[in-house]
């Protein structure tokens, strides 16, 4: 078992934090009714809002604290929807009254067209591609087949991880290289999204389902043995107040029991609505260059 140490810069030094496994069925969350594992953007939002109201009923001493909702990656859908539901609840007089102040989204795609069209201008502005290559037809021709996730954070970062496409600028082929003597450990399962596996309205396949198809290139790197050992240890589960395996099932980094349907792609209207109502928003991207440059200006 790995040994833990106190983080002197932990967020909970200055704030109280609630970690919510959502939708139900992921992480340590579970339901005795298996039909609850068939869910969607809207159902997940309603469940999360109900959870917040019930949690604050149990711990009313935290109601006066400024309340922010935060998440990353696919939470680009969860967070605006939940924030919007909280705002609606406040307007409807839901009790208890949450002291909601705003929301935070990290590395979240807000709109496929808006964000996608920011990649090339950002790469050009940062000197990653030349003025000549900046011509859009040439850029997309040379980037065909390239998984942006994998060149930025490859499975093992080492001295030589260059992409074999020699038409790419050297700056692109060298992304992720390091002078460290040993390669960095592999990513956890699900950190990179398969190339061209866009989230669209309708059923969202799990990683397990994606990896069983032949149409997806760029499968993720995985080394989740430590996490599996740690989070399925009954003593650990007891300490973090998670139910035992006999009740909740084993922890998996990529569960196959959730069947998720997405109703939304663009979240721009939700951001406009929430910020126009006076709620604060911090939307940032630090993992993939160029994703949502409008967000860094707006944030």
C-alpha atoms as a PDB file:
ATOM      1  CA  UNK A   1       0.000   0.000   0.000  1.00  0.00           C
ATOM      2  CA  UNK A   2       1.315   3.480  -0.787  1.00  0.00           C
ATOM      3  CA  UNK A   3       2.091   5.851   2.065  1.00  0.00           C
ATOM      4  CA  UNK A   4       0.260   9.167   2.254  1.00  0.00           C
ATOM      5  CA  UNK A   5       1.616  12.479   3.439  1.00  0.00           C
ATOM      6  CA  UNK A   6      -0.013  15.774   4.381  1.00  0.00           C
ATOM      7  CA  UNK A   7      -0.207  18.323   1.567  1.00  0.00           C
ATOM      8  CA  UNK A   8       0.625  21.725   3.110  1.00  0.00           C
ATOM      9  CA  UNK A   9      -1.063  23.471   0.167  1.00  0.00           C
ATOM     10  CA  UNK A  10      -4.334  21.528   0.230  1.00  0.00           C
ATOM     11  CA  UNK A  11      -7.452  23.464  -0.729  1.00  0.00           C
ATOM     12  CA  UNK A  12      -9.202  22.357   2.443  1.00  0.00           C
ATOM     13  CA  UNK A  13      -6.792  24.569   4.386  1.00  0.00           C
ATOM     14  CA  UNK A  14      -8.913  27.530   3.345  1.00  0.00           C
ATOM     15  CA  UNK A  15     -12.230  25.987   2.340  1.00  0.00           C
ATOM     16  CA  UNK A  16     -14.575  23.056   2.939  1.00  0.00           C
ATOM     17  CA  UNK A  17     -14.945  20.666  -0.005  1.00  0.00           C
ATOM     18  CA  UNK A  18     -17.583  18.137  -1.043  1.00  0.00           C
ATOM     19  CA  UNK A  19     -16.451  15.464  -3.504  1.00  0.00           C
ATOM     20  CA  UNK A  20     -19.421  14.030  -5.393  1.00  0.00           C
ATOM     21  CA  UNK A  21     -19.188  10.885  -7.536  1.00  0.00           C
ATOM     22  CA  UNK A  22     -21.639  11.625 -10.330  1.00  0.00           C
ATOM     23  CA  UNK A  23     -23.574  10.218 -12.123  1.00  0.00           C
ATOM     24  CA  UNK A  24     -24.600   7.457  -9.771  1.00  0.00           C
ATOM     25  CA  UNK A  25     -22.605   4.308 -10.429  1.00  0.00           C
ATOM     26  CA  UNK A  26     -19.181   5.892 -10.838  1.00  0.00           C
ATOM     27  CA  UNK A  27     -16.496   5.996  -8.161  1.00  0.00           C
ATOM     28  CA  UNK A  28     -17.865   4.883  -4.811  1.00  0.00           C
ATOM     29  CA  UNK A  29     -21.474   5.791  -5.615  1.00  0.00           C
ATOM     30  CA  UNK A  30     -24.082   3.104  -6.162  1.00  0.00           C
ATOM     31  CA  UNK A  31     -27.787   2.417  -6.159  1.00  0.00           C
ATOM     32  CA  UNK A  32     -29.839  -0.558  -5.034  1.00  0.00           C
ATOM     33  CA  UNK A  33     -31.982   0.029  -8.123  1.00  0.00           C
ATOM     34  CA  UNK A  34     -29.967  -0.839 -11.220  1.00  0.00           C
ATOM     35  CA  UNK A  35     -32.259   1.245 -13.419  1.00  0.00           C
ATOM     36  CA  UNK A  36     -30.628   4.308 -11.842  1.00  0.00           C
ATOM     37  CA  UNK A  37     -27.472   3.471 -13.816  1.00  0.00           C
ATOM     38  CA  UNK A  38     -29.324   4.396 -17.014  1.00  0.00           C
ATOM     39  CA  UNK A  39     -29.001   8.152 -16.880  1.00  0.00           C
ATOM     40  CA  UNK A  40     -28.497  11.350 -18.864  1.00  0.00           C
ATOM     41  CA  UNK A  41     -27.388  14.975 -18.594  1.00  0.00           C
ATOM     42  CA  UNK A  42     -30.749  16.048 -17.204  1.00  0.00           C
ATOM     43  CA  UNK A  43     -31.270  13.114 -14.830  1.00  0.00           C
ATOM     44  CA  UNK A  44     -27.735  13.489 -13.492  1.00  0.00           C
ATOM     45  CA  UNK A  45     -28.366  17.211 -12.903  1.00  0.00           C
ATOM     46  CA  UNK A  46     -31.575  16.582 -10.971  1.00  0.00           C
ATOM     47  CA  UNK A  47     -29.905  13.877  -8.855  1.00  0.00           C
ATOM     48  CA  UNK A  48     -26.948  16.138  -8.037  1.00  0.00           C
ATOM     49  CA  UNK A  49     -29.190  19.050  -7.096  1.00  0.00           C
ATOM     50  CA  UNK A  50     -31.258  16.815  -4.820  1.00  0.00           C
ATOM     51  CA  UNK A  51     -28.046  15.575  -3.208  1.00  0.00           C
ATOM     52  CA  UNK A  52     -26.895  19.136  -2.474  1.00  0.00           C
ATOM     53  CA  UNK A  53     -30.199  20.100  -0.856  1.00  0.00           C
ATOM     54  CA  UNK A  54     -30.198  16.971   1.303  1.00  0.00           C
ATOM     55  CA  UNK A  55     -26.538  17.430   2.253  1.00  0.00           C
ATOM     56  CA  UNK A  56     -27.078  20.987   3.445  1.00  0.00           C
ATOM     57  CA  UNK A  57     -30.125  19.863   5.424  1.00  0.00           C
ATOM     58  CA  UNK A  58     -27.811  17.497   7.301  1.00  0.00           C
ATOM     59  CA  UNK A  59     -25.080  20.123   7.748  1.00  0.00           C
ATOM     60  CA  UNK A  60     -26.808  23.517   7.979  1.00  0.00           C
ATOM     61  CA  UNK A  61     -23.750  25.030   9.691  1.00  0.00           C
ATOM     62  CA  UNK A  62     -22.175  25.323   6.214  1.00  0.00           C
ATOM     63  CA  UNK A  63     -25.072  27.180   4.602  1.00  0.00           C
ATOM     64  CA  UNK A  64     -23.572  30.617   5.227  1.00  0.00           C
ATOM     65  CA  UNK A  65     -20.335  29.729   3.410  1.00  0.00           C
ATOM     66  CA  UNK A  66     -19.934  31.024  -0.167  1.00  0.00           C
ATOM     67  CA  UNK A  67     -20.694  28.009  -2.353  1.00  0.00           C
ATOM     68  CA  UNK A  68     -18.950  27.261  -5.663  1.00  0.00           C
ATOM     69  CA  UNK A  69     -19.423  24.236  -7.944  1.00  0.00           C
ATOM     70  CA  UNK A  70     -16.330  22.848  -9.704  1.00  0.00           C
ATOM     71  CA  UNK A  71     -15.357  20.028 -12.050  1.00  0.00           C
ATOM     72  CA  UNK A  72     -13.145  19.139 -14.985  1.00  0.00           C
ATOM     73  CA  UNK A  73     -13.263  17.484 -18.417  1.00  0.00           C
ATOM     74  CA  UNK A  74     -16.775  16.109 -19.116  1.00  0.00           C
ATOM     75  CA  UNK A  75     -17.952  18.201 -16.173  1.00  0.00           C
ATOM     76  CA  UNK A  76     -18.071  20.927 -18.824  1.00  0.00           C
ATOM     77  CA  UNK A  77     -21.645  19.592 -19.144  1.00  0.00           C
ATOM     78  CA  UNK A  78     -22.294  18.721 -15.488  1.00  0.00           C
ATOM     79  CA  UNK A  79     -21.211  22.024 -13.973  1.00  0.00           C
ATOM     80  CA  UNK A  80     -23.204  24.521 -16.082  1.00  0.00           C
ATOM     81  CA  UNK A  81     -26.302  22.323 -15.882  1.00  0.00           C
ATOM     82  CA  UNK A  82     -26.054  21.891 -12.116  1.00  0.00           C
ATOM     83  CA  UNK A  83     -25.303  25.585 -11.635  1.00  0.00           C
ATOM     84  CA  UNK A  84     -28.351  26.439 -13.728  1.00  0.00           C
ATOM     85  CA  UNK A  85     -30.497  24.047 -11.675  1.00  0.00           C
ATOM     86  CA  UNK A  86     -29.237  25.587  -8.416  1.00  0.00           C
ATOM     87  CA  UNK A  87     -30.072  29.049  -9.777  1.00  0.00           C
ATOM     88  CA  UNK A  88     -33.568  27.886 -10.728  1.00  0.00           C
ATOM     89  CA  UNK A  89     -34.001  26.377  -7.275  1.00  0.00           C
ATOM     90  CA  UNK A  90     -33.038  29.635  -5.610  1.00  0.00           C
ATOM     91  CA  UNK A  91     -35.510  31.529  -7.780  1.00  0.00           C
ATOM     92  CA  UNK A  92     -38.220  28.993  -6.900  1.00  0.00           C
ATOM     93  CA  UNK A  93     -37.489  29.270  -3.182  1.00  0.00           C
ATOM     94  CA  UNK A  94     -36.048  25.781  -2.653  1.00  0.00           C
ATOM     95  CA  UNK A  95     -34.998  25.084   0.924  1.00  0.00           C
ATOM     96  CA  UNK A  96     -32.420  25.154   2.292  1.00  0.00           C
ATOM     97  CA  UNK A  97     -31.186  28.317   0.567  1.00  0.00           C
ATOM     98  CA  UNK A  98     -27.733  27.733  -0.908  1.00  0.00           C
ATOM     99  CA  UNK A  99     -25.260  30.602  -0.819  1.00  0.00           C
ATOM    100  CA  UNK A 100     -24.331  29.936  -4.452  1.00  0.00           C
ATOM    101  CA  UNK A 101     -21.692  32.306  -5.844  1.00  0.00           C
ATOM    102  CA  UNK A 102     -20.341  30.740  -9.030  1.00  0.00           C
ATOM    103  CA  UNK A 103     -18.622  27.824 -10.716  1.00  0.00           C
ATOM    104  CA  UNK A 104     -15.250  26.552 -11.998  1.00  0.00           C
ATOM    105  CA  UNK A 105     -14.524  24.305 -15.006  1.00  0.00           C
ATOM    106  CA  UNK A 106     -11.092  22.948 -15.881  1.00  0.00           C
ATOM    107  CA  UNK A 107     -10.137  21.542 -19.290  1.00  0.00           C
ATOM    108  CA  UNK A 108     -13.730  21.502 -20.420  1.00  0.00           C
ATOM    109  CA  UNK A 109     -14.863  21.752 -24.020  1.00  0.00           C
ATOM    110  CA  UNK A 110     -17.714  24.253 -24.104  1.00  0.00           C
ATOM    111  CA  UNK A 111     -18.543  24.150 -27.804  1.00  0.00           C
ATOM    112  CA  UNK A 112     -17.066  21.873 -30.499  1.00  0.00           C
ATOM    113  CA  UNK A 113     -17.049  24.539 -33.222  1.00  0.00           C
ATOM    114  CA  UNK A 114     -15.978  27.481 -31.078  1.00  0.00           C
ATOM    115  CA  UNK A 115     -13.273  25.601 -29.185  1.00  0.00           C
ATOM    116  CA  UNK A 116     -12.110  23.548 -32.142  1.00  0.00           C
ATOM    117  CA  UNK A 117     -11.539  26.629 -34.283  1.00  0.00           C
ATOM    118  CA  UNK A 118      -9.296  28.092 -31.553  1.00  0.00           C
ATOM    119  CA  UNK A 119      -6.641  25.360 -31.780  1.00  0.00           C
ATOM    120  CA  UNK A 120      -4.825  26.508 -34.916  1.00  0.00           C
ATOM    121  CA  UNK A 121      -4.799  30.276 -34.104  1.00  0.00           C
ATOM    122  CA  UNK A 122      -3.461  29.457 -30.631  1.00  0.00           C
ATOM    123  CA  UNK A 123      -0.708  27.198 -31.991  1.00  0.00           C
ATOM    124  CA  UNK A 124       0.272  29.925 -34.451  1.00  0.00           C
ATOM    125  CA  UNK A 125       0.225  32.657 -31.818  1.00  0.00           C
ATOM    126  CA  UNK A 126       2.438  30.598 -29.498  1.00  0.00           C
ATOM    127  CA  UNK A 127       4.993  29.962 -32.258  1.00  0.00           C
ATOM    128  CA  UNK A 128       4.241  26.233 -32.537  1.00  0.00           C
ATOM    129  CA  UNK A 129       3.562  26.521 -36.277  1.00  0.00           C
ATOM    130  CA  UNK A 130       4.966  28.826 -38.932  1.00  0.00           C
ATOM    131  CA  UNK A 131       3.183  31.590 -40.827  1.00  0.00           C
ATOM    132  CA  UNK A 132       3.244  29.375 -43.918  1.00  0.00           C
ATOM    133  CA  UNK A 133       1.713  26.383 -42.166  1.00  0.00           C
ATOM    134  CA  UNK A 134      -0.878  28.678 -40.579  1.00  0.00           C
ATOM    135  CA  UNK A 135      -2.828  28.459 -43.831  1.00  0.00           C
ATOM    136  CA  UNK A 136      -5.696  26.311 -42.573  1.00  0.00           C
ATOM    137  CA  UNK A 137      -5.753  23.861 -45.463  1.00  0.00           C
ATOM    138  CA  UNK A 138      -2.103  22.959 -44.867  1.00  0.00           C
ATOM    139  CA  UNK A 139      -2.491  22.719 -41.117  1.00  0.00           C
ATOM    140  CA  UNK A 140      -5.331  20.225 -41.170  1.00  0.00           C
ATOM    141  CA  UNK A 141      -3.680  18.261 -43.952  1.00  0.00           C
ATOM    142  CA  UNK A 142      -0.538  17.724 -41.873  1.00  0.00           C
ATOM    143  CA  UNK A 143      -2.386  17.129 -38.603  1.00  0.00           C
ATOM    144  CA  UNK A 144      -4.566  14.379 -40.049  1.00  0.00           C
ATOM    145  CA  UNK A 145      -4.384  11.306 -37.814  1.00  0.00           C
ATOM    146  CA  UNK A 146      -2.754  13.119 -34.895  1.00  0.00           C
ATOM    147  CA  UNK A 147      -4.184  12.590 -31.408  1.00  0.00           C
ATOM    148  CA  UNK A 148      -3.536  15.907 -29.639  1.00  0.00           C
ATOM    149  CA  UNK A 149      -3.920  14.279 -26.227  1.00  0.00           C
ATOM    150  CA  UNK A 150      -1.157  11.786 -26.899  1.00  0.00           C
ATOM    151  CA  UNK A 151       1.466  14.207 -28.210  1.00  0.00           C
ATOM    152  CA  UNK A 152       0.970  16.516 -25.256  1.00  0.00           C
ATOM    153  CA  UNK A 153       0.939  13.889 -22.554  1.00  0.00           C
ATOM    154  CA  UNK A 154       2.096  10.534 -23.912  1.00  0.00           C
ATOM    155  CA  UNK A 155       1.821   7.318 -21.971  1.00  0.00           C
ATOM    156  CA  UNK A 156       5.454   7.409 -20.928  1.00  0.00           C
ATOM    157  CA  UNK A 157       7.121  10.795 -21.167  1.00  0.00           C
ATOM    158  CA  UNK A 158      10.740  10.184 -22.067  1.00  0.00           C
ATOM    159  CA  UNK A 159      13.638  11.662 -23.948  1.00  0.00           C
ATOM    160  CA  UNK A 160      12.329  10.664 -27.367  1.00  0.00           C
ATOM    161  CA  UNK A 161       8.601  10.565 -27.970  1.00  0.00           C
ATOM    162  CA  UNK A 162       8.442  12.299 -31.322  1.00  0.00           C
ATOM    163  CA  UNK A 163       5.495  11.728 -33.608  1.00  0.00           C
ATOM    164  CA  UNK A 164       6.475   9.753 -36.700  1.00  0.00           C
ATOM    165  CA  UNK A 165       4.748  12.219 -39.061  1.00  0.00           C
ATOM    166  CA  UNK A 166       7.808  14.159 -40.307  1.00  0.00           C
ATOM    167  CA  UNK A 167       5.609  16.774 -41.985  1.00  0.00           C
ATOM    168  CA  UNK A 168       4.659  18.110 -38.558  1.00  0.00           C
ATOM    169  CA  UNK A 169       6.670  21.077 -37.246  1.00  0.00           C
ATOM    170  CA  UNK A 170       9.499  20.038 -34.910  1.00  0.00           C
ATOM    171  CA  UNK A 171       7.809  21.976 -32.102  1.00  0.00           C
ATOM    172  CA  UNK A 172       4.793  19.663 -32.363  1.00  0.00           C
ATOM    173  CA  UNK A 173       6.863  16.479 -32.581  1.00  0.00           C
ATOM    174  CA  UNK A 174       8.838  17.383 -29.450  1.00  0.00           C
ATOM    175  CA  UNK A 175       5.828  18.120 -27.245  1.00  0.00           C
ATOM    176  CA  UNK A 176       5.987  16.042 -24.080  1.00  0.00           C
ATOM    177  CA  UNK A 177       9.709  15.306 -24.158  1.00  0.00           C
ATOM    178  CA  UNK A 178      11.537  15.532 -20.880  1.00  0.00           C
ATOM    179  CA  UNK A 179      15.152  15.397 -19.711  1.00  0.00           C
ATOM    180  CA  UNK A 180      14.248  13.291 -16.686  1.00  0.00           C
ATOM    181  CA  UNK A 181      16.436  10.174 -16.379  1.00  0.00           C
ATOM    182  CA  UNK A 182      13.467   7.797 -16.232  1.00  0.00           C
ATOM    183  CA  UNK A 183      10.087   7.897 -17.994  1.00  0.00           C
ATOM    184  CA  UNK A 184       7.192   9.268 -15.961  1.00  0.00           C
ATOM    185  CA  UNK A 185       4.585   6.698 -14.872  1.00  0.00           C
ATOM    186  CA  UNK A 186       1.691   5.947 -17.159  1.00  0.00           C
ATOM    187  CA  UNK A 187      -1.529   7.910 -17.099  1.00  0.00           C
ATOM    188  CA  UNK A 188      -4.582   6.703 -15.289  1.00  0.00           C
ATOM    189  CA  UNK A 189      -7.235   5.089 -17.470  1.00  0.00           C
ATOM    190  CA  UNK A 190      -9.355   7.626 -19.294  1.00  0.00           C
ATOM    191  CA  UNK A 191      -7.055  10.656 -19.180  1.00  0.00           C
ATOM    192  CA  UNK A 192      -6.843  10.932 -22.963  1.00  0.00           C
ATOM    193  CA  UNK A 193      -9.810  10.768 -25.298  1.00  0.00           C
ATOM    194  CA  UNK A 194      -9.505   8.541 -28.392  1.00  0.00           C
ATOM    195  CA  UNK A 195      -8.843  10.381 -31.635  1.00  0.00           C
ATOM    196  CA  UNK A 196     -12.047  11.645 -33.317  1.00  0.00           C
ATOM    197  CA  UNK A 197     -14.280  10.097 -30.624  1.00  0.00           C
ATOM    198  CA  UNK A 198     -16.384  13.221 -30.210  1.00  0.00           C
ATOM    199  CA  UNK A 199     -19.219  13.387 -27.684  1.00  0.00           C
ATOM    200  CA  UNK A 200     -22.468  13.901 -29.578  1.00  0.00           C
ATOM    201  CA  UNK A 201     -26.136  13.977 -28.545  1.00  0.00           C
ATOM    202  CA  UNK A 202     -27.312  10.465 -27.797  1.00  0.00           C
ATOM    203  CA  UNK A 203     -25.686   7.474 -26.147  1.00  0.00           C
ATOM    204  CA  UNK A 204     -22.148   8.101 -24.813  1.00  0.00           C
ATOM    205  CA  UNK A 205     -20.077   4.888 -24.988  1.00  0.00           C
ATOM    206  CA  UNK A 206     -17.873   4.001 -22.042  1.00  0.00           C
ATOM    207  CA  UNK A 207     -14.121   3.477 -22.381  1.00  0.00           C
ATOM    208  CA  UNK A 208     -14.664  -0.261 -22.261  1.00  0.00           C
ATOM    209  CA  UNK A 209     -17.065  -0.029 -25.193  1.00  0.00           C
ATOM    210  CA  UNK A 210     -14.797   2.314 -27.140  1.00  0.00           C
ATOM    211  CA  UNK A 211     -11.848  -0.012 -26.796  1.00  0.00           C
ATOM    212  CA  UNK A 212     -13.915  -2.892 -28.155  1.00  0.00           C
ATOM    213  CA  UNK A 213     -14.472  -1.066 -31.440  1.00  0.00           C
ATOM    214  CA  UNK A 214     -12.093  -0.980 -34.373  1.00  0.00           C
ATOM    215  CA  UNK A 215     -13.085   2.529 -35.445  1.00  0.00           C
ATOM    216  CA  UNK A 216     -11.300   4.323 -32.620  1.00  0.00           C
ATOM    217  CA  UNK A 217      -7.591   5.088 -32.762  1.00  0.00           C
ATOM    218  CA  UNK A 218      -5.506   6.211 -29.830  1.00  0.00           C
ATOM    219  CA  UNK A 219      -6.458   3.917 -26.946  1.00  0.00           C
ATOM    220  CA  UNK A 220      -5.529   5.249 -23.498  1.00  0.00           C
ATOM    221  CA  UNK A 221      -2.590   4.224 -21.390  1.00  0.00           C
ATOM    222  CA  UNK A 222      -3.500   2.493 -18.190  1.00  0.00           C
ATOM    223  CA  UNK A 223      -1.822   1.577 -14.955  1.00  0.00           C
ATOM    224  CA  UNK A 224      -4.503   1.651 -12.317  1.00  0.00           C
ATOM    225  CA  UNK A 225      -3.169  -1.173 -10.128  1.00  0.00           C
ATOM    226  CA  UNK A 226      -2.260   1.118  -7.213  1.00  0.00           C
ATOM    227  CA  UNK A 227      -5.634   2.860  -7.253  1.00  0.00           C
ATOM    228  CA  UNK A 228      -7.485  -0.454  -7.454  1.00  0.00           C
ATOM    229  CA  UNK A 229      -5.536  -1.892  -4.521  1.00  0.00           C
ATOM    230  CA  UNK A 230      -5.912   1.248  -2.421  1.00  0.00           C
ATOM    231  CA  UNK A 231      -9.591   2.007  -2.988  1.00  0.00           C
ATOM    232  CA  UNK A 232     -10.715  -1.599  -2.657  1.00  0.00           C
ATOM    233  CA  UNK A 233      -9.006  -2.011   0.709  1.00  0.00           C
ATOM    234  CA  UNK A 234     -11.777  -2.225   3.292  1.00  0.00           C
ATOM    235  CA  UNK A 235      -9.791  -0.266   5.884  1.00  0.00           C
ATOM    236  CA  UNK A 236      -9.326   2.596   3.427  1.00  0.00           C
ATOM    237  CA  UNK A 237     -12.985   2.549   2.458  1.00  0.00           C
ATOM    238  CA  UNK A 238     -13.975   2.746   6.102  1.00  0.00           C
ATOM    239  CA  UNK A 239     -11.707   5.746   6.689  1.00  0.00           C
ATOM    240  CA  UNK A 240     -13.158   7.684   3.756  1.00  0.00           C
ATOM    241  CA  UNK A 241     -16.712   6.721   4.785  1.00  0.00           C
ATOM    242  CA  UNK A 242     -17.376   4.608   1.699  1.00  0.00           C
ATOM    243  CA  UNK A 243     -19.615   1.570   1.983  1.00  0.00           C
ATOM    244  CA  UNK A 244     -17.953  -1.871   1.908  1.00  0.00           C
ATOM    245  CA  UNK A 245     -17.497  -3.812  -1.321  1.00  0.00           C
ATOM    246  CA  UNK A 246     -20.285  -6.188  -0.317  1.00  0.00           C
ATOM    247  CA  UNK A 247     -22.700  -3.233  -0.467  1.00  0.00           C
ATOM    248  CA  UNK A 248     -21.322  -0.851  -3.092  1.00  0.00           C
ATOM    249  CA  UNK A 249     -19.254  -3.155  -5.270  1.00  0.00           C
ATOM    250  CA  UNK A 250     -15.588  -2.799  -6.177  1.00  0.00           C
ATOM    251  CA  UNK A 251     -14.092   0.519  -7.193  1.00  0.00           C
ATOM    252  CA  UNK A 252     -13.162   0.659 -10.882  1.00  0.00           C
ATOM    253  CA  UNK A 253     -11.418   3.478 -12.691  1.00  0.00           C
ATOM    254  CA  UNK A 254     -13.599   2.791 -15.714  1.00  0.00           C
ATOM    255  CA  UNK A 255     -16.983   1.353 -14.840  1.00  0.00           C
ATOM    256  CA  UNK A 256     -19.127  -0.461 -17.336  1.00  0.00           C
ATOM    257  CA  UNK A 257     -22.361  -0.351 -15.347  1.00  0.00           C
ATOM    258  CA  UNK A 258     -23.406   3.219 -16.262  1.00  0.00           C
ATOM    259  CA  UNK A 259     -25.360   3.789 -19.478  1.00  0.00           C
ATOM    260  CA  UNK A 260     -25.198   7.504 -20.222  1.00  0.00           C
ATOM    261  CA  UNK A 261     -27.131   9.585 -22.732  1.00  0.00           C
ATOM    262  CA  UNK A 262     -26.080  13.132 -23.577  1.00  0.00           C
ATOM    263  CA  UNK A 263     -28.670  15.675 -24.661  1.00  0.00           C
ATOM    264  CA  UNK A 264     -26.365  18.665 -25.096  1.00  0.00           C
ATOM    265  CA  UNK A 265     -23.190  19.570 -26.986  1.00  0.00           C
ATOM    266  CA  UNK A 266     -22.751  23.327 -26.680  1.00  0.00           C
ATOM    267  CA  UNK A 267     -22.869  24.938 -23.235  1.00  0.00           C
ATOM    268  CA  UNK A 268     -22.361  28.547 -24.321  1.00  0.00           C
ATOM    269  CA  UNK A 269     -25.980  29.577 -23.682  1.00  0.00           C
ATOM    270  CA  UNK A 270     -25.747  28.279 -20.104  1.00  0.00           C
ATOM    271  CA  UNK A 271     -22.574  30.261 -19.483  1.00  0.00           C
ATOM    272  CA  UNK A 272     -24.188  33.411 -20.866  1.00  0.00           C
ATOM    273  CA  UNK A 273     -27.272  32.890 -18.707  1.00  0.00           C
ATOM    274  CA  UNK A 274     -25.315  32.272 -15.495  1.00  0.00           C
ATOM    275  CA  UNK A 275     -22.826  35.118 -15.929  1.00  0.00           C
ATOM    276  CA  UNK A 276     -25.613  37.521 -16.950  1.00  0.00           C
ATOM    277  CA  UNK A 277     -27.323  36.644 -13.657  1.00  0.00           C
ATOM    278  CA  UNK A 278     -24.205  37.801 -11.794  1.00  0.00           C
ATOM    279  CA  UNK A 279     -22.620  34.450 -10.942  1.00  0.00           C
ATOM    280  CA  UNK A 280     -18.834  34.255 -11.118  1.00  0.00           C
ATOM    281  CA  UNK A 281     -17.196  31.832 -13.559  1.00  0.00           C
ATOM    282  CA  UNK A 282     -13.637  30.569 -13.926  1.00  0.00           C
ATOM    283  CA  UNK A 283     -13.200  28.458 -17.064  1.00  0.00           C
ATOM    284  CA  UNK A 284      -9.638  27.531 -17.872  1.00  0.00           C
ATOM    285  CA  UNK A 285      -7.714  25.139 -20.085  1.00  0.00           C
ATOM    286  CA  UNK A 286      -4.212  24.022 -19.142  1.00  0.00           C
ATOM    287  CA  UNK A 287      -3.939  20.574 -20.702  1.00  0.00           C
ATOM    288  CA  UNK A 288      -4.636  20.983 -24.419  1.00  0.00           C
ATOM    289  CA  UNK A 289      -3.255  24.108 -26.151  1.00  0.00           C
ATOM    290  CA  UNK A 290      -5.927  26.063 -27.906  1.00  0.00           C
ATOM    291  CA  UNK A 291      -9.027  24.520 -26.396  1.00  0.00           C
ATOM    292  CA  UNK A 292     -11.372  27.391 -25.747  1.00  0.00           C
ATOM    293  CA  UNK A 293      -9.222  30.489 -25.907  1.00  0.00           C
ATOM    294  CA  UNK A 294     -12.356  32.573 -25.549  1.00  0.00           C
ATOM    295  CA  UNK A 295     -12.685  31.118 -22.065  1.00  0.00           C
ATOM    296  CA  UNK A 296      -9.332  32.373 -20.794  1.00  0.00           C
ATOM    297  CA  UNK A 297     -10.259  35.889 -21.885  1.00  0.00           C
ATOM    298  CA  UNK A 298     -13.745  35.595 -20.445  1.00  0.00           C
ATOM    299  CA  UNK A 299     -12.573  34.010 -17.175  1.00  0.00           C
END
